[in-house]
Amino acid sequence: MGGIGPGRILRPMASKQLKQQRDKLKQYQKRISLHLERERTVALQLLKDGKKEKAKLLLKKKRYQEQLLEKTDNQISNLERMVQDIEFTQIEMKVIEGLKIGNECLNKMHQVMSVEEVERIIDETQDAIEYQRQIDEMLAGSFTEEDEDAILAELDAITQEQIDLPEVPSEPLPEKIPETSPIRVKPKTELVAAS
């Protein structure tokens, strides 16, 4: 897929060649522009020298070269448009290649998970939800109010068993605890039974 084919080589080469042609035309324009300025100066000098016919001939030549400049401008515009078209086409080709890869990936994913498989999974999920709802209804409906009260009482009893907290003293605590001397612990003497 990502190999180098003739199209991949020709496009950059074509774009490069068009840019080179554009640059050559711009250089040609500069030369003609400089030449036109010199001819105008020469025509002025010929008029001063009284050589009106030579000046007129030189101005005709100048006019012809100005028309060539206009044609050159059009050619440069065409070349630049072609370069832009080629570059935009290259971008489009990359987009198309991206779309092609995306489509192939989607097709592979669709092969793994068919519509039938999705429908089966959804049906199984809905069946499991319905089954659980039925169990919940049966459990909720099978107990009487007395049963519910007994269950809550047992739950409270279990909760109390787990939380055996000491009773809170009813006498107020002293504000300051008096300091006492350290308590010495005497070792206990062991009684040995006589045999």
N, C-alpha and C. Protein backbone atom coordinates (compact mmCIF):
# COMPACT_ATOMS: atom_id res chain seq x y z
N MET A 1 0.81 -1.18 0.00
CA MET A 1 0.00 0.00 0.00
C MET A 1 0.86 1.25 0.00
N GLY A 2 1.92 1.32 0.81
CA GLY A 2 2.73 2.51 0.91
C GLY A 2 3.94 2.48 0.01
N GLY A 3 3.93 1.68 -1.04
CA GLY A 3 5.08 1.57 -1.94
C GLY A 3 5.24 2.80 -2.80
N ILE A 4 6.38 2.89 -3.42
CA ILE A 4 6.66 4.02 -4.30
C ILE A 4 6.32 3.60 -5.71
N GLY A 5 5.32 4.22 -6.26
CA GLY A 5 4.90 3.92 -7.63
C GLY A 5 5.26 5.08 -8.53
N PRO A 6 5.03 4.92 -9.82
CA PRO A 6 5.37 5.98 -10.75
C PRO A 6 4.62 7.28 -10.46
N GLY A 7 3.39 7.16 -9.99
CA GLY A 7 2.61 8.36 -9.69
C GLY A 7 3.22 9.17 -8.56
N ARG A 8 3.79 8.46 -7.57
CA ARG A 8 4.39 9.14 -6.43
C ARG A 8 5.66 9.89 -6.83
N ILE A 9 6.39 9.37 -7.80
CA ILE A 9 7.63 10.02 -8.23
C ILE A 9 7.32 11.16 -9.21
N LEU A 10 6.38 10.94 -10.12
CA LEU A 10 6.09 11.93 -11.16
C LEU A 10 5.48 13.21 -10.59
N ARG A 11 4.62 13.10 -9.61
CA ARG A 11 3.96 14.29 -9.09
C ARG A 11 4.96 15.28 -8.51
N PRO A 12 5.86 14.86 -7.59
CA PRO A 12 6.83 15.82 -7.07
C PRO A 12 7.76 16.34 -8.17
N MET A 13 8.14 15.47 -9.11
CA MET A 13 9.02 15.91 -10.19
C MET A 13 8.29 16.93 -11.06
N ALA A 14 7.03 16.68 -11.36
CA ALA A 14 6.26 17.61 -12.20
C ALA A 14 6.13 18.95 -11.49
N SER A 15 5.84 18.92 -10.22
CA SER A 15 5.71 20.16 -9.45
C SER A 15 7.04 20.92 -9.43
N LYS A 16 8.11 20.19 -9.25
CA LYS A 16 9.44 20.82 -9.23
C LYS A 16 9.77 21.43 -10.59
N GLN A 17 9.48 20.70 -11.67
CA GLN A 17 9.76 21.21 -13.01
C GLN A 17 8.92 22.45 -13.31
N LEU A 18 7.66 22.45 -12.89
CA LEU A 18 6.81 23.62 -13.11
C LEU A 18 7.35 24.84 -12.35
N LYS A 19 7.82 24.61 -11.14
CA LYS A 19 8.38 25.72 -10.36
C LYS A 19 9.65 26.25 -11.02
N GLN A 20 10.46 25.35 -11.58
CA GLN A 20 11.68 25.79 -12.27
C GLN A 20 11.31 26.61 -13.50
N GLN A 21 10.31 26.18 -14.25
CA GLN A 21 9.86 26.94 -15.44
C GLN A 21 9.34 28.31 -15.02
N ARG A 22 8.59 28.36 -13.93
CA ARG A 22 8.08 29.64 -13.43
C ARG A 22 9.23 30.57 -13.09
N ASP A 23 10.25 30.04 -12.41
CA ASP A 23 11.40 30.86 -12.03
C ASP A 23 12.16 31.36 -13.26
N LYS A 24 12.28 30.52 -14.28
CA LYS A 24 12.96 30.95 -15.52
C LYS A 24 12.17 32.07 -16.20
N LEU A 25 10.85 31.94 -16.20
CA LEU A 25 10.03 33.00 -16.80
C LEU A 25 10.16 34.31 -16.02
N LYS A 26 10.26 34.24 -14.72
CA LYS A 26 10.43 35.45 -13.91
C LYS A 26 11.78 36.11 -14.21
N GLN A 27 12.82 35.29 -14.38
CA GLN A 27 14.13 35.84 -14.75
C GLN A 27 14.06 36.49 -16.13
N TYR A 28 13.36 35.86 -17.05
CA TYR A 28 13.17 36.41 -18.40
C TYR A 28 12.46 37.76 -18.32
N GLN A 29 11.45 37.86 -17.46
CA GLN A 29 10.72 39.12 -17.29
C GLN A 29 11.66 40.23 -16.80
N LYS A 30 12.50 39.90 -15.84
CA LYS A 30 13.42 40.91 -15.31
C LYS A 30 14.36 41.42 -16.40
N ARG A 31 14.87 40.49 -17.20
CA ARG A 31 15.78 40.90 -18.29
C ARG A 31 15.07 41.83 -19.26
N ILE A 32 13.84 41.46 -19.65
CA ILE A 32 13.09 42.28 -20.61
C ILE A 32 12.78 43.65 -20.00
N SER A 33 12.40 43.67 -18.72
CA SER A 33 12.09 44.94 -18.06
C SER A 33 13.29 45.87 -18.06
N LEU A 34 14.47 45.33 -17.73
CA LEU A 34 15.69 46.16 -17.76
C LEU A 34 15.97 46.64 -19.18
N HIS A 35 15.78 45.76 -20.15
CA HIS A 35 16.03 46.09 -21.56
C HIS A 35 15.06 47.19 -22.02
N LEU A 36 13.80 47.12 -21.56
CA LEU A 36 12.81 48.13 -21.95
C LEU A 36 13.19 49.51 -21.40
N GLU A 37 13.68 49.55 -20.18
CA GLU A 37 14.10 50.83 -19.61
C GLU A 37 15.25 51.43 -20.41
N ARG A 38 16.21 50.58 -20.81
CA ARG A 38 17.34 51.08 -21.62
C ARG A 38 16.86 51.60 -22.98
N GLU A 39 15.94 50.85 -23.60
CA GLU A 39 15.45 51.27 -24.91
C GLU A 39 14.69 52.60 -24.82
N ARG A 40 13.97 52.80 -23.73
CA ARG A 40 13.26 54.08 -23.56
C ARG A 40 14.28 55.21 -23.45
N THR A 41 15.35 54.98 -22.71
CA THR A 41 16.39 55.99 -22.58
C THR A 41 17.04 56.28 -23.93
N VAL A 42 17.30 55.21 -24.68
CA VAL A 42 17.92 55.38 -26.01
C VAL A 42 16.96 56.12 -26.94
N ALA A 43 15.66 55.81 -26.89
CA ALA A 43 14.67 56.49 -27.73
C ALA A 43 14.64 57.99 -27.43
N LEU A 44 14.73 58.36 -26.15
CA LEU A 44 14.76 59.76 -25.77
C LEU A 44 16.00 60.46 -26.35
N GLN A 45 17.11 59.73 -26.28
CA GLN A 45 18.35 60.30 -26.82
C GLN A 45 18.26 60.47 -28.35
N LEU A 46 17.65 59.49 -29.03
CA LEU A 46 17.49 59.60 -30.48
C LEU A 46 16.60 60.78 -30.85
N LEU A 47 15.54 61.03 -30.07
CA LEU A 47 14.68 62.17 -30.33
C LEU A 47 15.45 63.49 -30.14
N LYS A 48 16.30 63.54 -29.14
CA LYS A 48 17.11 64.74 -28.91
C LYS A 48 18.07 64.96 -30.07
N ASP A 49 18.56 63.85 -30.65
CA ASP A 49 19.51 63.94 -31.76
C ASP A 49 18.80 64.17 -33.10
N GLY A 50 17.46 64.21 -33.09
CA GLY A 50 16.71 64.46 -34.31
C GLY A 50 16.47 63.22 -35.14
N LYS A 51 16.63 62.08 -34.61
CA LYS A 51 16.42 60.82 -35.34
C LYS A 51 15.07 60.24 -34.93
N LYS A 52 14.02 60.87 -35.39
CA LYS A 52 12.65 60.51 -35.01
C LYS A 52 12.26 59.13 -35.51
N GLU A 53 12.61 58.74 -36.73
CA GLU A 53 12.24 57.44 -37.31
C GLU A 53 12.89 56.30 -36.53
N LYS A 54 14.16 56.47 -36.18
CA LYS A 54 14.85 55.42 -35.40
C LYS A 54 14.21 55.30 -34.01
N ALA A 55 13.84 56.43 -33.41
CA ALA A 55 13.20 56.41 -32.10
C ALA A 55 11.84 55.69 -32.20
N LYS A 56 11.08 55.99 -33.28
CA LYS A 56 9.79 55.34 -33.48
C LYS A 56 9.95 53.83 -33.64
N LEU A 57 10.94 53.40 -34.40
CA LEU A 57 11.21 51.97 -34.59
C LEU A 57 11.58 51.31 -33.26
N LEU A 58 12.37 52.00 -32.48
CA LEU A 58 12.78 51.48 -31.18
C LEU A 58 11.57 51.37 -30.24
N LEU A 59 10.66 52.34 -30.29
CA LEU A 59 9.45 52.29 -29.45
C LEU A 59 8.50 51.18 -29.90
N LYS A 60 8.45 50.87 -31.21
CA LYS A 60 7.65 49.74 -31.69
C LYS A 60 8.21 48.43 -31.11
N LYS A 61 9.55 48.34 -31.16
CA LYS A 61 10.20 47.15 -30.61
C LYS A 61 9.90 47.04 -29.11
N LYS A 62 9.93 48.18 -28.44
CA LYS A 62 9.64 48.22 -27.01
C LYS A 62 8.20 47.77 -26.75
N ARG A 63 7.26 48.23 -27.55
CA ARG A 63 5.86 47.85 -27.41
C ARG A 63 5.68 46.36 -27.61
N TYR A 64 6.35 45.78 -28.57
CA TYR A 64 6.28 44.33 -28.83
C TYR A 64 6.79 43.56 -27.60
N GLN A 65 7.87 44.02 -27.01
CA GLN A 65 8.43 43.35 -25.84
C GLN A 65 7.50 43.49 -24.62
N GLU A 66 6.80 44.62 -24.51
CA GLU A 66 5.83 44.78 -23.43
C GLU A 66 4.69 43.77 -23.57
N GLN A 67 4.28 43.51 -24.81
CA GLN A 67 3.25 42.50 -25.05
C GLN A 67 3.78 41.11 -24.67
N LEU A 68 5.06 40.87 -24.94
CA LEU A 68 5.67 39.60 -24.52
C LEU A 68 5.64 39.48 -22.99
N LEU A 69 5.88 40.58 -22.32
CA LEU A 69 5.83 40.57 -20.85
C LEU A 69 4.44 40.19 -20.35
N GLU A 70 3.42 40.74 -20.98
CA GLU A 70 2.05 40.40 -20.58
C GLU A 70 1.78 38.91 -20.79
N LYS A 71 2.24 38.37 -21.91
CA LYS A 71 2.07 36.93 -22.17
C LYS A 71 2.83 36.12 -21.12
N THR A 72 4.00 36.60 -20.77
CA THR A 72 4.81 35.90 -19.76
C THR A 72 4.09 35.90 -18.42
N ASP A 73 3.46 37.03 -18.07
CA ASP A 73 2.67 37.10 -16.83
C ASP A 73 1.57 36.04 -16.83
N ASN A 74 0.88 35.90 -17.97
CA ASN A 74 -0.18 34.90 -18.08
C ASN A 74 0.39 33.49 -17.93
N GLN A 75 1.55 33.25 -18.53
CA GLN A 75 2.16 31.93 -18.44
C GLN A 75 2.58 31.63 -17.00
N ILE A 76 3.13 32.64 -16.33
CA ILE A 76 3.52 32.45 -14.93
C ILE A 76 2.28 32.13 -14.09
N SER A 77 1.20 32.86 -14.32
CA SER A 77 -0.04 32.59 -13.57
C SER A 77 -0.52 31.16 -13.82
N ASN A 78 -0.47 30.73 -15.09
CA ASN A 78 -0.88 29.36 -15.41
C ASN A 78 0.00 28.33 -14.70
N LEU A 79 1.32 28.57 -14.72
CA LEU A 79 2.24 27.63 -14.05
C LEU A 79 1.97 27.58 -12.55
N GLU A 80 1.76 28.75 -11.94
CA GLU A 80 1.49 28.76 -10.50
C GLU A 80 0.18 28.05 -10.19
N ARG A 81 -0.82 28.24 -11.03
CA ARG A 81 -2.10 27.55 -10.85
C ARG A 81 -1.90 26.04 -10.96
N MET A 82 -1.11 25.62 -11.94
CA MET A 82 -0.86 24.17 -12.11
C MET A 82 -0.12 23.60 -10.90
N VAL A 83 0.86 24.35 -10.38
CA VAL A 83 1.60 23.89 -9.19
C VAL A 83 0.63 23.73 -8.03
N GLN A 84 -0.24 24.72 -7.84
CA GLN A 84 -1.21 24.64 -6.75
C GLN A 84 -2.18 23.47 -6.95
N ASP A 85 -2.60 23.26 -8.19
CA ASP A 85 -3.50 22.13 -8.48
C ASP A 85 -2.83 20.80 -8.16
N ILE A 86 -1.56 20.69 -8.55
CA ILE A 86 -0.83 19.44 -8.27
C ILE A 86 -0.69 19.24 -6.77
N GLU A 87 -0.32 20.29 -6.05
CA GLU A 87 -0.14 20.16 -4.60
C GLU A 87 -1.47 19.84 -3.93
N PHE A 88 -2.56 20.45 -4.39
CA PHE A 88 -3.87 20.16 -3.80
C PHE A 88 -4.29 18.72 -4.13
N THR A 89 -3.97 18.28 -5.33
CA THR A 89 -4.29 16.90 -5.72
C THR A 89 -3.52 15.92 -4.83
N GLN A 90 -2.27 16.26 -4.49
CA GLN A 90 -1.50 15.40 -3.58
C GLN A 90 -2.18 15.32 -2.22
N ILE A 91 -2.70 16.45 -1.75
CA ILE A 91 -3.41 16.44 -0.46
C ILE A 91 -4.67 15.58 -0.57
N GLU A 92 -5.39 15.74 -1.68
CA GLU A 92 -6.59 14.92 -1.88
C GLU A 92 -6.25 13.44 -1.89
N MET A 93 -5.12 13.09 -2.55
CA MET A 93 -4.71 11.68 -2.61
C MET A 93 -4.43 11.14 -1.22
N LYS A 94 -3.81 11.96 -0.36
CA LYS A 94 -3.54 11.53 1.02
C LYS A 94 -4.86 11.32 1.76
N VAL A 95 -5.82 12.21 1.54
CA VAL A 95 -7.13 12.06 2.18
C VAL A 95 -7.80 10.77 1.70
N ILE A 96 -7.74 10.53 0.39
CA ILE A 96 -8.36 9.32 -0.17
C ILE A 96 -7.68 8.06 0.39
N GLU A 97 -6.34 8.10 0.50
CA GLU A 97 -5.63 6.95 1.08
C GLU A 97 -6.06 6.74 2.52
N GLY A 98 -6.23 7.86 3.28
CA GLY A 98 -6.70 7.76 4.66
C GLY A 98 -8.09 7.16 4.75
N LEU A 99 -8.96 7.59 3.85
CA LEU A 99 -10.33 7.04 3.82
C LEU A 99 -10.30 5.55 3.47
N LYS A 100 -9.43 5.20 2.55
CA LYS A 100 -9.33 3.79 2.15
C LYS A 100 -8.88 2.93 3.33
N ILE A 101 -7.88 3.39 4.06
CA ILE A 101 -7.40 2.65 5.23
C ILE A 101 -8.51 2.56 6.28
N GLY A 102 -9.23 3.68 6.49
CA GLY A 102 -10.33 3.68 7.46
C GLY A 102 -11.42 2.70 7.07
N ASN A 103 -11.76 2.65 5.78
CA ASN A 103 -12.79 1.71 5.31
C ASN A 103 -12.35 0.27 5.51
N GLU A 104 -11.08 -0.01 5.21
CA GLU A 104 -10.57 -1.38 5.40
C GLU A 104 -10.64 -1.77 6.87
N CYS A 105 -10.29 -0.83 7.74
CA CYS A 105 -10.34 -1.10 9.19
C CYS A 105 -11.78 -1.36 9.64
N LEU A 106 -12.70 -0.54 9.16
CA LEU A 106 -14.11 -0.74 9.51
C LEU A 106 -14.62 -2.09 9.02
N ASN A 107 -14.24 -2.45 7.80
CA ASN A 107 -14.67 -3.74 7.25
C ASN A 107 -14.15 -4.90 8.10
N LYS A 108 -12.89 -4.80 8.54
CA LYS A 108 -12.34 -5.86 9.39
C LYS A 108 -13.10 -5.93 10.71
N MET A 109 -13.43 -4.77 11.27
CA MET A 109 -14.17 -4.76 12.54
C MET A 109 -15.57 -5.31 12.34
N HIS A 110 -16.18 -5.03 11.19
CA HIS A 110 -17.52 -5.56 10.91
C HIS A 110 -17.49 -7.07 10.73
N GLN A 111 -16.39 -7.58 10.20
CA GLN A 111 -16.26 -9.04 10.05
C GLN A 111 -16.19 -9.70 11.42
N VAL A 112 -15.52 -9.05 12.36
CA VAL A 112 -15.40 -9.61 13.71
C VAL A 112 -16.75 -9.57 14.43
N MET A 113 -17.48 -8.46 14.27
CA MET A 113 -18.75 -8.28 14.97
C MET A 113 -19.83 -8.01 13.94
N SER A 114 -20.62 -9.03 13.69
CA SER A 114 -21.70 -8.88 12.71
C SER A 114 -22.94 -8.28 13.39
N VAL A 115 -23.88 -7.85 12.60
CA VAL A 115 -25.13 -7.28 13.11
C VAL A 115 -25.88 -8.33 13.91
N GLU A 116 -25.86 -9.56 13.41
CA GLU A 116 -26.54 -10.65 14.11
C GLU A 116 -25.93 -10.87 15.49
N GLU A 117 -24.60 -10.77 15.58
CA GLU A 117 -23.91 -10.96 16.87
C GLU A 117 -24.32 -9.85 17.85
N VAL A 118 -24.38 -8.64 17.37
CA VAL A 118 -24.78 -7.51 18.22
C VAL A 118 -26.22 -7.69 18.68
N GLU A 119 -27.11 -8.09 17.78
CA GLU A 119 -28.51 -8.31 18.14
C GLU A 119 -28.62 -9.43 19.19
N ARG A 120 -27.83 -10.49 19.01
CA ARG A 120 -27.85 -11.60 19.97
C ARG A 120 -27.41 -11.12 21.35
N ILE A 121 -26.35 -10.33 21.40
CA ILE A 121 -25.84 -9.83 22.69
C ILE A 121 -26.87 -8.91 23.34
N ILE A 122 -27.50 -8.05 22.55
CA ILE A 122 -28.52 -7.15 23.10
C ILE A 122 -29.71 -7.95 23.63
N ASP A 123 -30.14 -8.98 22.88
CA ASP A 123 -31.26 -9.82 23.33
C ASP A 123 -30.91 -10.51 24.64
N GLU A 124 -29.68 -11.07 24.72
CA GLU A 124 -29.26 -11.76 25.95
C GLU A 124 -29.22 -10.79 27.13
N THR A 125 -28.76 -9.58 26.89
CA THR A 125 -28.70 -8.58 27.96
C THR A 125 -30.10 -8.22 28.42
N GLN A 126 -31.01 -8.03 27.48
CA GLN A 126 -32.39 -7.69 27.85
C GLN A 126 -33.05 -8.85 28.61
N ASP A 127 -32.77 -10.09 28.18
CA ASP A 127 -33.31 -11.25 28.88
C ASP A 127 -32.79 -11.29 30.32
N ALA A 128 -31.49 -11.03 30.49
CA ALA A 128 -30.90 -11.06 31.84
C ALA A 128 -31.49 -9.96 32.71
N ILE A 129 -31.72 -8.79 32.14
CA ILE A 129 -32.33 -7.68 32.90
C ILE A 129 -33.75 -8.05 33.31
N GLU A 130 -34.51 -8.63 32.40
CA GLU A 130 -35.88 -9.03 32.69
C GLU A 130 -35.91 -10.12 33.77
N TYR A 131 -35.01 -11.08 33.69
CA TYR A 131 -34.93 -12.16 34.67
C TYR A 131 -34.64 -11.58 36.07
N GLN A 132 -33.68 -10.64 36.13
CA GLN A 132 -33.33 -10.02 37.42
C GLN A 132 -34.51 -9.23 37.96
N ARG A 133 -35.26 -8.55 37.09
CA ARG A 133 -36.43 -7.79 37.51
C ARG A 133 -37.48 -8.74 38.11
N GLN A 134 -37.67 -9.90 37.48
CA GLN A 134 -38.64 -10.87 37.99
C GLN A 134 -38.22 -11.37 39.37
N ILE A 135 -36.92 -11.63 39.53
CA ILE A 135 -36.42 -12.08 40.84
C ILE A 135 -36.67 -11.00 41.88
N ASP A 136 -36.38 -9.75 41.54
CA ASP A 136 -36.59 -8.64 42.47
C ASP A 136 -38.06 -8.54 42.86
N GLU A 137 -38.96 -8.70 41.88
CA GLU A 137 -40.40 -8.63 42.17
C GLU A 137 -40.83 -9.76 43.08
N MET A 138 -40.28 -10.96 42.81
CA MET A 138 -40.65 -12.11 43.65
C MET A 138 -40.19 -11.91 45.08
N LEU A 139 -38.96 -11.42 45.22
CA LEU A 139 -38.45 -11.20 46.58
C LEU A 139 -39.22 -10.10 47.28
N ALA A 140 -39.53 -9.05 46.56
CA ALA A 140 -40.26 -7.94 47.17
C ALA A 140 -41.69 -8.33 47.49
N GLY A 141 -42.28 -9.14 46.68
CA GLY A 141 -43.69 -9.50 46.88
C GLY A 141 -43.90 -10.65 47.82
N SER A 142 -42.92 -11.47 48.14
CA SER A 142 -43.13 -12.67 48.94
C SER A 142 -43.07 -12.41 50.43
N PHE A 143 -42.63 -11.26 50.85
CA PHE A 143 -42.55 -10.97 52.28
C PHE A 143 -43.74 -10.12 52.71
N THR A 144 -44.23 -10.47 53.88
CA THR A 144 -45.31 -9.67 54.45
C THR A 144 -44.69 -8.50 55.20
N GLU A 145 -45.56 -7.66 55.73
CA GLU A 145 -45.06 -6.49 56.48
C GLU A 145 -44.38 -6.95 57.76
N GLU A 146 -44.91 -8.02 58.37
CA GLU A 146 -44.29 -8.57 59.58
C GLU A 146 -42.90 -9.11 59.28
N ASP A 147 -42.77 -9.77 58.11
CA ASP A 147 -41.45 -10.29 57.71
C ASP A 147 -40.45 -9.14 57.52
N GLU A 148 -40.91 -8.08 56.89
CA GLU A 148 -40.04 -6.91 56.67
C GLU A 148 -39.58 -6.34 58.00
N ASP A 149 -40.53 -6.26 59.00
CA ASP A 149 -40.18 -5.72 60.32
C ASP A 149 -39.18 -6.64 61.00
N ALA A 150 -39.36 -7.96 60.89
CA ALA A 150 -38.44 -8.91 61.50
C ALA A 150 -37.05 -8.81 60.86
N ILE A 151 -37.03 -8.65 59.55
CA ILE A 151 -35.74 -8.53 58.85
C ILE A 151 -35.01 -7.27 59.30
N LEU A 152 -35.74 -6.15 59.42
CA LEU A 152 -35.12 -4.90 59.87
C LEU A 152 -34.62 -5.01 61.32
N ALA A 153 -35.39 -5.69 62.17
CA ALA A 153 -34.98 -5.87 63.57
C ALA A 153 -33.71 -6.71 63.64
N GLU A 154 -33.65 -7.77 62.84
CA GLU A 154 -32.45 -8.61 62.82
C GLU A 154 -31.25 -7.82 62.31
N LEU A 155 -31.48 -6.99 61.28
CA LEU A 155 -30.40 -6.16 60.75
C LEU A 155 -29.87 -5.20 61.81
N ASP A 156 -30.79 -4.60 62.61
CA ASP A 156 -30.37 -3.70 63.69
C ASP A 156 -29.57 -4.46 64.74
N ALA A 157 -30.01 -5.69 65.07
CA ALA A 157 -29.31 -6.49 66.08
C ALA A 157 -27.90 -6.83 65.61
N ILE A 158 -27.77 -7.20 64.33
CA ILE A 158 -26.45 -7.54 63.80
C ILE A 158 -25.56 -6.30 63.82
N THR A 159 -26.15 -5.18 63.49
CA THR A 159 -25.38 -3.93 63.48
C THR A 159 -24.91 -3.59 64.88
N GLN A 160 -25.76 -3.78 65.91
CA GLN A 160 -25.38 -3.50 67.29
C GLN A 160 -24.28 -4.44 67.77
N GLU A 161 -24.32 -5.69 67.35
CA GLU A 161 -23.30 -6.66 67.74
C GLU A 161 -21.94 -6.27 67.19
N GLN A 162 -21.95 -5.78 65.99
CA GLN A 162 -20.67 -5.42 65.37
C GLN A 162 -20.10 -4.15 65.98
N ILE A 163 -20.96 -3.29 66.49
CA ILE A 163 -20.49 -2.03 67.04
C ILE A 163 -20.73 -2.06 68.54
N ASP A 164 -19.84 -2.69 69.30
CA ASP A 164 -19.93 -2.71 70.75
C ASP A 164 -19.04 -1.60 71.27
N LEU A 165 -19.65 -0.49 71.55
CA LEU A 165 -18.90 0.65 72.05
C LEU A 165 -19.03 0.69 73.56
N PRO A 166 -18.00 1.16 74.24
CA PRO A 166 -18.13 1.29 75.70
C PRO A 166 -19.15 2.37 76.03
N GLU A 167 -19.70 2.26 77.23
CA GLU A 167 -20.68 3.24 77.63
C GLU A 167 -19.99 4.56 77.91
N VAL A 168 -20.71 5.61 77.67
CA VAL A 168 -20.18 6.95 77.91
C VAL A 168 -20.34 7.26 79.39
N PRO A 169 -19.26 7.76 80.02
CA PRO A 169 -19.39 8.07 81.46
C PRO A 169 -20.38 9.22 81.67
N SER A 170 -21.09 9.13 82.80
CA SER A 170 -22.07 10.16 83.08
C SER A 170 -21.47 11.30 83.89
N GLU A 171 -20.36 11.04 84.59
CA GLU A 171 -19.70 12.07 85.38
C GLU A 171 -18.83 12.93 84.47
N PRO A 172 -18.70 14.21 84.77
CA PRO A 172 -17.83 15.05 83.94
C PRO A 172 -16.37 14.67 84.17
N LEU A 173 -15.58 14.84 83.16
CA LEU A 173 -14.16 14.52 83.25
C LEU A 173 -13.44 15.64 83.98
N PRO A 174 -12.38 15.27 84.71
CA PRO A 174 -11.63 16.33 85.39
C PRO A 174 -10.93 17.21 84.35
N GLU A 175 -10.79 18.50 84.74
CA GLU A 175 -10.18 19.41 83.80
C GLU A 175 -8.70 19.15 83.66
N LYS A 176 -8.05 18.83 84.79
CA LYS A 176 -6.61 18.58 84.74
C LYS A 176 -6.34 17.28 85.46
N ILE A 177 -5.53 16.48 84.83
CA ILE A 177 -5.20 15.19 85.43
C ILE A 177 -4.01 15.42 86.34
N PRO A 178 -4.13 15.01 87.65
CA PRO A 178 -3.00 15.22 88.56
C PRO A 178 -1.84 14.31 88.18
N GLU A 179 -0.65 14.89 88.37
CA GLU A 179 0.55 14.12 88.03
C GLU A 179 0.82 13.13 89.14
N THR A 180 1.16 11.95 88.80
CA THR A 180 1.46 10.92 89.78
C THR A 180 2.84 10.40 89.51
N SER A 181 3.39 9.81 90.52
CA SER A 181 4.72 9.24 90.35
C SER A 181 4.60 7.98 89.51
N PRO A 182 5.67 7.65 88.79
CA PRO A 182 5.60 6.46 87.94
C PRO A 182 5.29 5.22 88.76
N ILE A 183 4.53 4.37 88.21
CA ILE A 183 4.15 3.13 88.89
C ILE A 183 5.21 2.11 88.62
N ARG A 184 5.62 1.48 89.73
CA ARG A 184 6.62 0.45 89.59
C ARG A 184 5.92 -0.90 89.60
N VAL A 185 6.31 -1.69 88.66
CA VAL A 185 5.70 -3.00 88.57
C VAL A 185 6.67 -3.99 89.22
N LYS A 186 6.12 -4.71 90.21
CA LYS A 186 6.96 -5.71 90.89
C LYS A 186 6.76 -7.03 90.17
N PRO A 187 7.87 -7.74 89.98
CA PRO A 187 7.71 -9.03 89.35
C PRO A 187 6.95 -9.98 90.27
N LYS A 188 6.11 -10.77 89.67
CA LYS A 188 5.32 -11.74 90.42
C LYS A 188 6.20 -12.93 90.72
N THR A 189 6.07 -13.40 91.90
CA THR A 189 6.81 -14.60 92.26
C THR A 189 5.98 -15.80 91.83
N GLU A 190 6.64 -16.74 91.28
CA GLU A 190 5.93 -17.90 90.80
C GLU A 190 5.88 -18.95 91.89
N LEU A 191 4.78 -19.54 92.00
CA LEU A 191 4.63 -20.60 92.96
C LEU A 191 4.93 -21.92 92.26
N VAL A 192 5.78 -22.64 92.86
CA VAL A 192 6.14 -23.91 92.27
C VAL A 192 5.48 -25.00 93.13
N ALA A 193 4.80 -25.82 92.46
CA ALA A 193 4.12 -26.89 93.17
C ALA A 193 5.12 -28.00 93.49
N ALA A 194 5.05 -28.49 94.71
CA ALA A 194 5.97 -29.56 95.10
C ALA A 194 5.41 -30.87 94.61
N SER A 195 6.32 -31.61 94.16
CA SER A 195 5.83 -32.88 93.69
C SER A 195 6.04 -33.97 94.66
